[in-house]
Amino acid sequence: MTNEDIKQMNNKELHATLREERKQLQKMKFNHAVSPIENPTKITISRKTVARLLTEINARSSAAAKAE
């Protein structure tokens, strides 16, 4: 998921995607702890996606706070 895709989402979609991505990341981390997964870079990609989503959510909330 690119930054352009994230910026085009509305707030509900952002929060839903964040929730799903966090669940997926948690599941991958657990599976990797039990037995090594095929491609451990998927964990890194997922973690970065969560960070991108959180960055966009925080940017929008701070922009809304400044507008008030």
PDB file of N, CA and C in Angstrom:
ATOM      1  N   MET A   1       0.853  -1.175   0.000  1.00  0.00           N
ATOM      2  CA  MET A   1       0.000   0.000   0.000  1.00  0.00           C
ATOM      3  C   MET A   1       0.896   1.235   0.000  1.00  0.00           C
ATOM      4  N   THR A   2       0.643   2.107  -0.952  1.00  0.00           N
ATOM      5  CA  THR A   2       1.482   3.298  -1.081  1.00  0.00           C
ATOM      6  C   THR A   2       0.868   4.461  -0.321  1.00  0.00           C
ATOM      7  N   ASN A   3       1.656   5.503  -0.153  1.00  0.00           N
ATOM      8  CA  ASN A   3       1.163   6.699   0.532  1.00  0.00           C
ATOM      9  C   ASN A   3       0.016   7.337  -0.238  1.00  0.00           C
ATOM     10  N   GLU A   4       0.063   7.270  -1.569  1.00  0.00           N
ATOM     11  CA  GLU A   4      -1.009   7.840  -2.382  1.00  0.00           C
ATOM     12  C   GLU A   4      -2.331   7.127  -2.113  1.00  0.00           C
ATOM     13  N   ASP A   5      -2.276   5.802  -1.985  1.00  0.00           N
ATOM     14  CA  ASP A   5      -3.476   5.029  -1.677  1.00  0.00           C
ATOM     15  C   ASP A   5      -4.036   5.426  -0.317  1.00  0.00           C
ATOM     16  N   ILE A   6      -3.145   5.601   0.627  1.00  0.00           N
ATOM     17  CA  ILE A   6      -3.551   5.936   1.989  1.00  0.00           C
ATOM     18  C   ILE A   6      -4.185   7.321   2.037  1.00  0.00           C
ATOM     19  N   LYS A   7      -3.623   8.268   1.314  1.00  0.00           N
ATOM     20  CA  LYS A   7      -4.147   9.636   1.334  1.00  0.00           C
ATOM     21  C   LYS A   7      -5.516   9.736   0.676  1.00  0.00           C
ATOM     22  N   GLN A   8      -5.851   8.804  -0.204  1.00  0.00           N
ATOM     23  CA  GLN A   8      -7.139   8.823  -0.878  1.00  0.00           C
ATOM     24  C   GLN A   8      -8.260   8.212  -0.027  1.00  0.00           C
ATOM     25  N   MET A   9      -7.909   7.522   1.043  1.00  0.00           N
ATOM     26  CA  MET A   9      -8.906   6.891   1.907  1.00  0.00           C
ATOM     27  C   MET A   9      -9.571   7.926   2.804  1.00  0.00           C
ATOM     28  N   ASN A  10     -10.823   7.639   3.179  1.00  0.00           N
ATOM     29  CA  ASN A  10     -11.471   8.495   4.166  1.00  0.00           C
ATOM     30  C   ASN A  10     -11.115   7.971   5.558  1.00  0.00           C
ATOM     31  N   ASN A  11     -11.559   8.673   6.588  1.00  0.00           N
ATOM     32  CA  ASN A  11     -11.153   8.324   7.960  1.00  0.00           C
ATOM     33  C   ASN A  11     -11.631   6.940   8.378  1.00  0.00           C
ATOM     34  N   LYS A  12     -12.854   6.569   8.011  1.00  0.00           N
ATOM     35  CA  LYS A  12     -13.359   5.241   8.387  1.00  0.00           C
ATOM     36  C   LYS A  12     -12.530   4.143   7.734  1.00  0.00           C
ATOM     37  N   GLU A  13     -12.198   4.339   6.464  1.00  0.00           N
ATOM     38  CA  GLU A  13     -11.380   3.345   5.768  1.00  0.00           C
ATOM     39  C   GLU A  13      -9.996   3.247   6.387  1.00  0.00           C
ATOM     40  N   LEU A  14      -9.435   4.382   6.777  1.00  0.00           N
ATOM     41  CA  LEU A  14      -8.114   4.386   7.408  1.00  0.00           C
ATOM     42  C   LEU A  14      -8.119   3.564   8.696  1.00  0.00           C
ATOM     43  N   HIS A  15      -9.112   3.809   9.534  1.00  0.00           N
ATOM     44  CA  HIS A  15      -9.179   3.095  10.810  1.00  0.00           C
ATOM     45  C   HIS A  15      -9.448   1.607  10.607  1.00  0.00           C
ATOM     46  N   ALA A  16     -10.287   1.273   9.648  1.00  0.00           N
ATOM     47  CA  ALA A  16     -10.565  -0.138   9.375  1.00  0.00           C
ATOM     48  C   ALA A  16      -9.321  -0.845   8.833  1.00  0.00           C
ATOM     49  N   THR A  17      -8.618  -0.190   7.934  1.00  0.00           N
ATOM     50  CA  THR A  17      -7.399  -0.767   7.371  1.00  0.00           C
ATOM     51  C   THR A  17      -6.334  -0.909   8.448  1.00  0.00           C
ATOM     52  N   LEU A  18      -6.229   0.071   9.318  1.00  0.00           N
ATOM     53  CA  LEU A  18      -5.266   0.000  10.419  1.00  0.00           C
ATOM     54  C   LEU A  18      -5.570  -1.188  11.330  1.00  0.00           C
ATOM     55  N   ARG A  19      -6.834  -1.356  11.669  1.00  0.00           N
ATOM     56  CA  ARG A  19      -7.241  -2.466  12.520  1.00  0.00           C
ATOM     57  C   ARG A  19      -6.871  -3.807  11.880  1.00  0.00           C
ATOM     58  N   GLU A  20      -7.177  -3.965  10.596  1.00  0.00           N
ATOM     59  CA  GLU A  20      -6.879  -5.217   9.899  1.00  0.00           C
ATOM     60  C   GLU A  20      -5.372  -5.443   9.767  1.00  0.00           C
ATOM     61  N   GLU A  21      -4.637  -4.396   9.473  1.00  0.00           N
ATOM     62  CA  GLU A  21      -3.190  -4.529   9.311  1.00  0.00           C
ATOM     63  C   GLU A  21      -2.527  -4.896  10.638  1.00  0.00           C
ATOM     64  N   ARG A  22      -3.012  -4.330  11.731  1.00  0.00           N
ATOM     65  CA  ARG A  22      -2.466  -4.682  13.049  1.00  0.00           C
ATOM     66  C   ARG A  22      -2.745  -6.141  13.394  1.00  0.00           C
ATOM     67  N   LYS A  23      -3.951  -6.619  13.077  1.00  0.00           N
ATOM     68  CA  LYS A  23      -4.278  -8.026  13.319  1.00  0.00           C
ATOM     69  C   LYS A  23      -3.360  -8.933  12.507  1.00  0.00           C
ATOM     70  N   GLN A  24      -3.172  -8.565  11.253  1.00  0.00           N
ATOM     71  CA  GLN A  24      -2.318  -9.356  10.372  1.00  0.00           C
ATOM     72  C   GLN A  24      -0.877  -9.360  10.876  1.00  0.00           C
ATOM     73  N   LEU A  25      -0.383  -8.213  11.319  1.00  0.00           N
ATOM     74  CA  LEU A  25       0.979  -8.115  11.839  1.00  0.00           C
ATOM     75  C   LEU A  25       1.146  -8.974  13.092  1.00  0.00           C
ATOM     76  N   GLN A  26       0.182  -8.908  13.974  1.00  0.00           N
ATOM     77  CA  GLN A  26       0.252  -9.697  15.199  1.00  0.00           C
ATOM     78  C   GLN A  26       0.270 -11.188  14.876  1.00  0.00           C
ATOM     79  N   LYS A  27      -0.560 -11.600  13.931  1.00  0.00           N
ATOM     80  CA  LYS A  27      -0.614 -13.006  13.546  1.00  0.00           C
ATOM     81  C   LYS A  27       0.704 -13.446  12.912  1.00  0.00           C
ATOM     82  N   MET A  28       1.288 -12.595  12.060  1.00  0.00           N
ATOM     83  CA  MET A  28       2.569 -12.937  11.433  1.00  0.00           C
ATOM     84  C   MET A  28       3.679 -13.046  12.465  1.00  0.00           C
ATOM     85  N   LYS A  29       3.699 -12.124  13.435  1.00  0.00           N
ATOM     86  CA  LYS A  29       4.731 -12.172  14.474  1.00  0.00           C
ATOM     87  C   LYS A  29       4.616 -13.455  15.299  1.00  0.00           C
ATOM     88  N   PHE A  30       3.386 -13.821  15.637  1.00  0.00           N
ATOM     89  CA  PHE A  30       3.185 -15.036  16.421  1.00  0.00           C
ATOM     90  C   PHE A  30       3.622 -16.264  15.626  1.00  0.00           C
ATOM     91  N   ASN A  31       3.208 -16.340  14.369  1.00  0.00           N
ATOM     92  CA  ASN A  31       3.588 -17.477  13.531  1.00  0.00           C
ATOM     93  C   ASN A  31       5.095 -17.553  13.337  1.00  0.00           C
ATOM     94  N   HIS A  32       5.734 -16.414  13.234  1.00  0.00           N
ATOM     95  CA  HIS A  32       7.184 -16.388  13.060  1.00  0.00           C
ATOM     96  C   HIS A  32       7.899 -16.821  14.341  1.00  0.00           C
ATOM     97  N   ALA A  33       7.322 -16.533  15.483  1.00  0.00           N
ATOM     98  CA  ALA A  33       7.934 -16.940  16.751  1.00  0.00           C
ATOM     99  C   ALA A  33       7.837 -18.453  16.935  1.00  0.00           C
ATOM    100  N   VAL A  34       6.731 -19.029  16.489  1.00  0.00           N
ATOM    101  CA  VAL A  34       6.532 -20.470  16.633  1.00  0.00           C
ATOM    102  C   VAL A  34       7.401 -21.231  15.636  1.00  0.00           C
ATOM    103  N   SER A  35       7.298 -20.851  14.373  1.00  0.00           N
ATOM    104  CA  SER A  35       8.132 -21.451  13.341  1.00  0.00           C
ATOM    105  C   SER A  35       8.433 -20.384  12.298  1.00  0.00           C
ATOM    106  N   PRO A  36       9.650 -20.346  11.801  1.00  0.00           N
ATOM    107  CA  PRO A  36      10.021 -19.283  10.856  1.00  0.00           C
ATOM    108  C   PRO A  36       9.119 -19.264   9.629  1.00  0.00           C
ATOM    109  N   ILE A  37       8.675 -18.073   9.256  1.00  0.00           N
ATOM    110  CA  ILE A  37       7.845 -17.960   8.067  1.00  0.00           C
ATOM    111  C   ILE A  37       8.733 -17.880   6.830  1.00  0.00           C
ATOM    112  N   GLU A  38       8.143 -18.125   5.665  1.00  0.00           N
ATOM    113  CA  GLU A  38       8.913 -18.167   4.425  1.00  0.00           C
ATOM    114  C   GLU A  38       9.617 -16.841   4.132  1.00  0.00           C
ATOM    115  N   ASN A  39       8.862 -15.750   4.248  1.00  0.00           N
ATOM    116  CA  ASN A  39       9.399 -14.453   3.885  1.00  0.00           C
ATOM    117  C   ASN A  39       9.264 -13.490   5.069  1.00  0.00           C
ATOM    118  N   PRO A  40      10.288 -13.399   5.915  1.00  0.00           N
ATOM    119  CA  PRO A  40      10.188 -12.532   7.093  1.00  0.00           C
ATOM    120  C   PRO A  40      10.124 -11.040   6.766  1.00  0.00           C
ATOM    121  N   THR A  41      10.418 -10.656   5.527  1.00  0.00           N
ATOM    122  CA  THR A  41      10.301  -9.241   5.172  1.00  0.00           C
ATOM    123  C   THR A  41       8.848  -8.783   5.139  1.00  0.00           C
ATOM    124  N   LYS A  42       7.912  -9.730   5.085  1.00  0.00           N
ATOM    125  CA  LYS A  42       6.495  -9.370   5.143  1.00  0.00           C
ATOM    126  C   LYS A  42       6.169  -8.684   6.468  1.00  0.00           C
ATOM    127  N   ILE A  43       6.839  -9.080   7.528  1.00  0.00           N
ATOM    128  CA  ILE A  43       6.639  -8.452   8.839  1.00  0.00           C
ATOM    129  C   ILE A  43       7.078  -6.989   8.770  1.00  0.00           C
ATOM    130  N   THR A  44       8.214  -6.746   8.161  1.00  0.00           N
ATOM    131  CA  THR A  44       8.724  -5.378   8.031  1.00  0.00           C
ATOM    132  C   THR A  44       7.785  -4.532   7.191  1.00  0.00           C
ATOM    133  N   ILE A  45       7.310  -5.070   6.090  1.00  0.00           N
ATOM    134  CA  ILE A  45       6.393  -4.345   5.210  1.00  0.00           C
ATOM    135  C   ILE A  45       5.109  -4.009   5.945  1.00  0.00           C
ATOM    136  N   SER A  46       4.590  -4.967   6.697  1.00  0.00           N
ATOM    137  CA  SER A  46       3.355  -4.751   7.446  1.00  0.00           C
ATOM    138  C   SER A  46       3.550  -3.695   8.528  1.00  0.00           C
ATOM    139  N   ARG A  47       4.690  -3.743   9.213  1.00  0.00           N
ATOM    140  CA  ARG A  47       4.981  -2.763  10.254  1.00  0.00           C
ATOM    141  C   ARG A  47       5.077  -1.351   9.674  1.00  0.00           C
ATOM    142  N   LYS A  48       5.682  -1.236   8.505  1.00  0.00           N
ATOM    143  CA  LYS A  48       5.790   0.064   7.855  1.00  0.00           C
ATOM    144  C   LYS A  48       4.430   0.573   7.380  1.00  0.00           C
ATOM    145  N   THR A  49       3.570  -0.337   6.953  1.00  0.00           N
ATOM    146  CA  THR A  49       2.222   0.057   6.541  1.00  0.00           C
ATOM    147  C   THR A  49       1.435   0.593   7.724  1.00  0.00           C
ATOM    148  N   VAL A  50       1.566  -0.060   8.867  1.00  0.00           N
ATOM    149  CA  VAL A  50       0.903   0.422  10.089  1.00  0.00           C
ATOM    150  C   VAL A  50       1.411   1.819  10.428  1.00  0.00           C
ATOM    151  N   ALA A  51       2.707   2.032  10.311  1.00  0.00           N
ATOM    152  CA  ALA A  51       3.283   3.351  10.607  1.00  0.00           C
ATOM    153  C   ALA A  51       2.768   4.411   9.636  1.00  0.00           C
ATOM    154  N   ARG A  52       2.651   4.057   8.368  1.00  0.00           N
ATOM    155  CA  ARG A  52       2.125   5.008   7.383  1.00  0.00           C
ATOM    156  C   ARG A  52       0.678   5.378   7.692  1.00  0.00           C
ATOM    157  N   LEU A  53      -0.114   4.370   8.053  1.00  0.00           N
ATOM    158  CA  LEU A  53      -1.517   4.626   8.397  1.00  0.00           C
ATOM    159  C   LEU A  53      -1.618   5.535   9.617  1.00  0.00           C
ATOM    160  N   LEU A  54      -0.838   5.247  10.647  1.00  0.00           N
ATOM    161  CA  LEU A  54      -0.860   6.069  11.853  1.00  0.00           C
ATOM    162  C   LEU A  54      -0.396   7.489  11.576  1.00  0.00           C
ATOM    163  N   THR A  55       0.595   7.632  10.714  1.00  0.00           N
ATOM    164  CA  THR A  55       1.091   8.963  10.354  1.00  0.00           C
ATOM    165  C   THR A  55      -0.005   9.777   9.687  1.00  0.00           C
ATOM    166  N   GLU A  56      -0.731   9.164   8.764  1.00  0.00           N
ATOM    167  CA  GLU A  56      -1.802   9.875   8.067  1.00  0.00           C
ATOM    168  C   GLU A  56      -2.943  10.224   9.019  1.00  0.00           C
ATOM    169  N   ILE A  57      -3.299   9.310   9.912  1.00  0.00           N
ATOM    170  CA  ILE A  57      -4.364   9.576  10.885  1.00  0.00           C
ATOM    171  C   ILE A  57      -3.967  10.740  11.788  1.00  0.00           C
ATOM    172  N   ASN A  58      -2.727  10.731  12.277  1.00  0.00           N
ATOM    173  CA  ASN A  58      -2.258  11.809  13.153  1.00  0.00           C
ATOM    174  C   ASN A  58      -2.163  13.136  12.413  1.00  0.00           C
ATOM    175  N   ALA A  59      -1.747  13.108  11.160  1.00  0.00           N
ATOM    176  CA  ALA A  59      -1.656  14.343  10.376  1.00  0.00           C
ATOM    177  C   ALA A  59      -3.043  14.943  10.176  1.00  0.00           C
ATOM    178  N   ARG A  60      -4.022  14.105   9.913  1.00  0.00           N
ATOM    179  CA  ARG A  60      -5.379  14.595   9.717  1.00  0.00           C
ATOM    180  C   ARG A  60      -5.971  15.151  11.010  1.00  0.00           C
ATOM    181  N   SER A  61      -5.691  14.487  12.133  1.00  0.00           N
ATOM    182  CA  SER A  61      -6.245  14.966  13.390  1.00  0.00           C
ATOM    183  C   SER A  61      -5.584  16.272  13.824  1.00  0.00           C
ATOM    184  N   SER A  62      -4.297  16.414  13.565  1.00  0.00           N
ATOM    185  CA  SER A  62      -3.633  17.670  13.917  1.00  0.00           C
ATOM    186  C   SER A  62      -4.071  18.799  12.991  1.00  0.00           C
ATOM    187  N   ALA A  63      -4.329  18.484  11.730  1.00  0.00           N
ATOM    188  CA  ALA A  63      -4.819  19.502  10.800  1.00  0.00           C
ATOM    189  C   ALA A  63      -6.228  19.959  11.203  1.00  0.00           C
ATOM    190  N   ALA A  64      -7.037  19.031  11.682  1.00  0.00           N
ATOM    191  CA  ALA A  64      -8.378  19.371  12.133  1.00  0.00           C
ATOM    192  C   ALA A  64      -8.315  20.226  13.400  1.00  0.00           C
ATOM    193  N   ALA A  65      -7.359  19.919  14.273  1.00  0.00           N
ATOM    194  CA  ALA A  65      -7.213  20.694  15.503  1.00  0.00           C
ATOM    195  C   ALA A  65      -6.740  22.125  15.207  1.00  0.00           C
ATOM    196  N   LYS A  66      -5.879  22.273  14.228  1.00  0.00           N
ATOM    197  CA  LYS A  66      -5.383  23.598  13.862  1.00  0.00           C
ATOM    198  C   LYS A  66      -6.475  24.430  13.194  1.00  0.00           C
ATOM    199  N   ALA A  67      -7.391  23.754  12.501  1.00  0.00           N
ATOM    200  CA  ALA A  67      -8.467  24.463  11.803  1.00  0.00           C
ATOM    201  C   ALA A  67      -9.482  25.043  12.787  1.00  0.00           C
ATOM    202  N   GLU A  68      -9.546  24.475  13.975  1.00  0.00           N
ATOM    203  CA  GLU A  68     -10.535  24.948  14.963  1.00  0.00           C
ATOM    204  C   GLU A  68     -10.103  26.165  15.662  1.00  0.00           C
TER     205      GLU A  68
END
